[in-house]
Amino acid sequence: MADKFIKAGFRFDGAAVFPILNFQYDDDSYSWGLAQIVRNFVSGKNDVSANDLKDWHGEFEGLSAAGKYFFSSSRYIFKASKPPPDV
């Protein structure tokens, strides 16, 4: 990955990971909002039946209530800087 920054004329200064972890499915969780976006997007494609989509989306509340809900996603943050010009 660092080579891409270097080839673009930057100095690679490091990276960090920002994990998102939800054990509950409620309207305060990241995964709740993401599930709404996915559901709305998929429903507009007509590739998945309305019943299958309803079952998929409906499963999250039951899993959460049973203490079986788990969602994890990682975001990666890369730090780069422009090196000073050669003198």
C-alpha atoms as a PDB file:
ATOM      1  CA  MET A   1       0.000   0.000   0.000  1.00  0.00           C
ATOM      2  CA  ALA A   2       2.789   2.446   0.830  1.00  0.00           C
ATOM      3  CA  ASP A   3       4.114   2.147  -2.712  1.00  0.00           C
ATOM      4  CA  LYS A   4       0.954   3.761  -4.094  1.00  0.00           C
ATOM      5  CA  PHE A   5       1.489   6.862  -1.966  1.00  0.00           C
ATOM      6  CA  ILE A   6       5.170   7.005  -2.874  1.00  0.00           C
ATOM      7  CA  LYS A   7       4.462   6.620  -6.591  1.00  0.00           C
ATOM      8  CA  ALA A   8       1.998   9.526  -6.292  1.00  0.00           C
ATOM      9  CA  GLY A   9       4.715  11.722  -4.777  1.00  0.00           C
ATOM     10  CA  PHE A  10       3.776  11.406  -1.119  1.00  0.00           C
ATOM     11  CA  ARG A  11       5.518  10.038   1.931  1.00  0.00           C
ATOM     12  CA  PHE A  12       3.664   7.238   3.682  1.00  0.00           C
ATOM     13  CA  ASP A  13       3.406   8.197   7.360  1.00  0.00           C
ATOM     14  CA  GLY A  14       1.410   5.277   8.717  1.00  0.00           C
ATOM     15  CA  ALA A  15      -1.983   3.690   9.004  1.00  0.00           C
ATOM     16  CA  ALA A  16      -4.569   2.947  11.652  1.00  0.00           C
ATOM     17  CA  VAL A  17      -7.702   0.873  11.833  1.00  0.00           C
ATOM     18  CA  PHE A  18     -11.009   2.177  13.163  1.00  0.00           C
ATOM     19  CA  PRO A  19     -13.218  -0.812  14.017  1.00  0.00           C
ATOM     20  CA  ILE A  20     -16.982  -0.604  14.337  1.00  0.00           C
ATOM     21  CA  LEU A  21     -18.474  -3.337  16.488  1.00  0.00           C
ATOM     22  CA  ASN A  22     -22.169  -3.732  17.356  1.00  0.00           C
ATOM     23  CA  PHE A  23     -23.645  -6.368  19.659  1.00  0.00           C
ATOM     24  CA  GLN A  24     -27.096  -4.791  19.561  1.00  0.00           C
ATOM     25  CA  TYR A  25     -29.292  -3.928  16.611  1.00  0.00           C
ATOM     26  CA  ASP A  26     -31.073  -0.679  17.404  1.00  0.00           C
ATOM     27  CA  ASP A  27     -31.467   2.748  15.850  1.00  0.00           C
ATOM     28  CA  ASP A  28     -28.352   3.998  17.669  1.00  0.00           C
ATOM     29  CA  SER A  29     -26.096   1.389  16.064  1.00  0.00           C
ATOM     30  CA  TYR A  30     -24.043   1.835  12.913  1.00  0.00           C
ATOM     31  CA  SER A  31     -25.286  -1.477  11.536  1.00  0.00           C
ATOM     32  CA  TRP A  32     -28.933  -0.404  11.906  1.00  0.00           C
ATOM     33  CA  GLY A  33     -28.395   2.527   9.542  1.00  0.00           C
ATOM     34  CA  LEU A  34     -26.333   0.417   7.162  1.00  0.00           C
ATOM     35  CA  ALA A  35     -29.030  -2.270   7.051  1.00  0.00           C
ATOM     36  CA  GLN A  36     -31.613   0.374   6.061  1.00  0.00           C
ATOM     37  CA  ILE A  37     -29.391   1.538   3.196  1.00  0.00           C
ATOM     38  CA  VAL A  38     -28.761  -2.027   1.984  1.00  0.00           C
ATOM     39  CA  ARG A  39     -32.445  -2.951   2.236  1.00  0.00           C
ATOM     40  CA  ASN A  40     -33.551   0.127   0.284  1.00  0.00           C
ATOM     41  CA  PHE A  41     -30.864  -0.354  -2.371  1.00  0.00           C
ATOM     42  CA  VAL A  42     -31.593  -4.059  -2.872  1.00  0.00           C
ATOM     43  CA  SER A  43     -35.346  -3.511  -3.002  1.00  0.00           C
ATOM     44  CA  GLY A  44     -34.862  -1.108  -5.904  1.00  0.00           C
ATOM     45  CA  LYS A  45     -32.928  -3.703  -7.938  1.00  0.00           C
ATOM     46  CA  ASN A  46     -35.685  -6.353  -8.015  1.00  0.00           C
ATOM     47  CA  ASP A  47     -33.045  -9.111  -7.815  1.00  0.00           C
ATOM     48  CA  VAL A  48     -34.235 -10.405  -4.438  1.00  0.00           C
ATOM     49  CA  SER A  49     -37.845 -11.230  -3.653  1.00  0.00           C
ATOM     50  CA  ALA A  50     -39.656  -8.896  -1.290  1.00  0.00           C
ATOM     51  CA  ASN A  51     -40.233 -11.812   1.113  1.00  0.00           C
ATOM     52  CA  ASP A  52     -36.545 -12.777   1.196  1.00  0.00           C
ATOM     53  CA  LEU A  53     -35.564  -9.172   1.783  1.00  0.00           C
ATOM     54  CA  LYS A  54     -38.140  -8.801   4.556  1.00  0.00           C
ATOM     55  CA  ASP A  55     -36.909 -12.034   6.192  1.00  0.00           C
ATOM     56  CA  TRP A  56     -33.257 -10.930   5.954  1.00  0.00           C
ATOM     57  CA  HIS A  57     -33.932  -7.512   7.440  1.00  0.00           C
ATOM     58  CA  GLY A  58     -36.373  -8.833  10.035  1.00  0.00           C
ATOM     59  CA  GLU A  59     -33.870 -11.320  11.419  1.00  0.00           C
ATOM     60  CA  PHE A  60     -31.670  -8.643  13.024  1.00  0.00           C
ATOM     61  CA  GLU A  61     -34.086  -7.599  15.772  1.00  0.00           C
ATOM     62  CA  GLY A  62     -34.636 -11.218  16.833  1.00  0.00           C
ATOM     63  CA  LEU A  63     -30.916 -11.931  16.925  1.00  0.00           C
ATOM     64  CA  SER A  64     -30.344  -8.805  18.990  1.00  0.00           C
ATOM     65  CA  ALA A  65     -33.110  -9.681  21.454  1.00  0.00           C
ATOM     66  CA  ALA A  66     -31.625 -13.173  21.866  1.00  0.00           C
ATOM     67  CA  GLY A  67     -28.133 -11.780  22.495  1.00  0.00           C
ATOM     68  CA  LYS A  68     -26.881 -13.355  19.256  1.00  0.00           C
ATOM     69  CA  TYR A  69     -26.394 -10.245  17.133  1.00  0.00           C
ATOM     70  CA  PHE A  70     -22.893  -9.432  15.916  1.00  0.00           C
ATOM     71  CA  PHE A  71     -21.718  -6.854  13.389  1.00  0.00           C
ATOM     72  CA  SER A  72     -18.147  -5.817  12.677  1.00  0.00           C
ATOM     73  CA  SER A  73     -16.591  -3.559  10.082  1.00  0.00           C
ATOM     74  CA  SER A  74     -13.176  -1.961   9.901  1.00  0.00           C
ATOM     75  CA  ARG A  75     -12.270   1.387   8.383  1.00  0.00           C
ATOM     76  CA  TYR A  76      -8.695   2.112   7.484  1.00  0.00           C
ATOM     77  CA  ILE A  77      -7.119   5.525   7.876  1.00  0.00           C
ATOM     78  CA  PHE A  78      -3.931   6.225   5.968  1.00  0.00           C
ATOM     79  CA  LYS A  79      -1.657   9.130   6.740  1.00  0.00           C
ATOM     80  CA  ALA A  80       0.557  10.620   4.062  1.00  0.00           C
ATOM     81  CA  SER A  81       2.383  13.885   3.617  1.00  0.00           C
ATOM     82  CA  LYS A  82       3.993  15.747   0.777  1.00  0.00           C
ATOM     83  CA  PRO A  83       7.761  15.710   1.246  1.00  0.00           C
ATOM     84  CA  PRO A  84       9.560  19.041   1.008  1.00  0.00           C
ATOM     85  CA  PRO A  85      10.926  19.819  -2.434  1.00  0.00           C
ATOM     86  CA  ASP A  86      14.525  18.805  -3.070  1.00  0.00           C
ATOM     87  CA  VAL A  87      16.860  21.753  -2.671  1.00  0.00           C
END
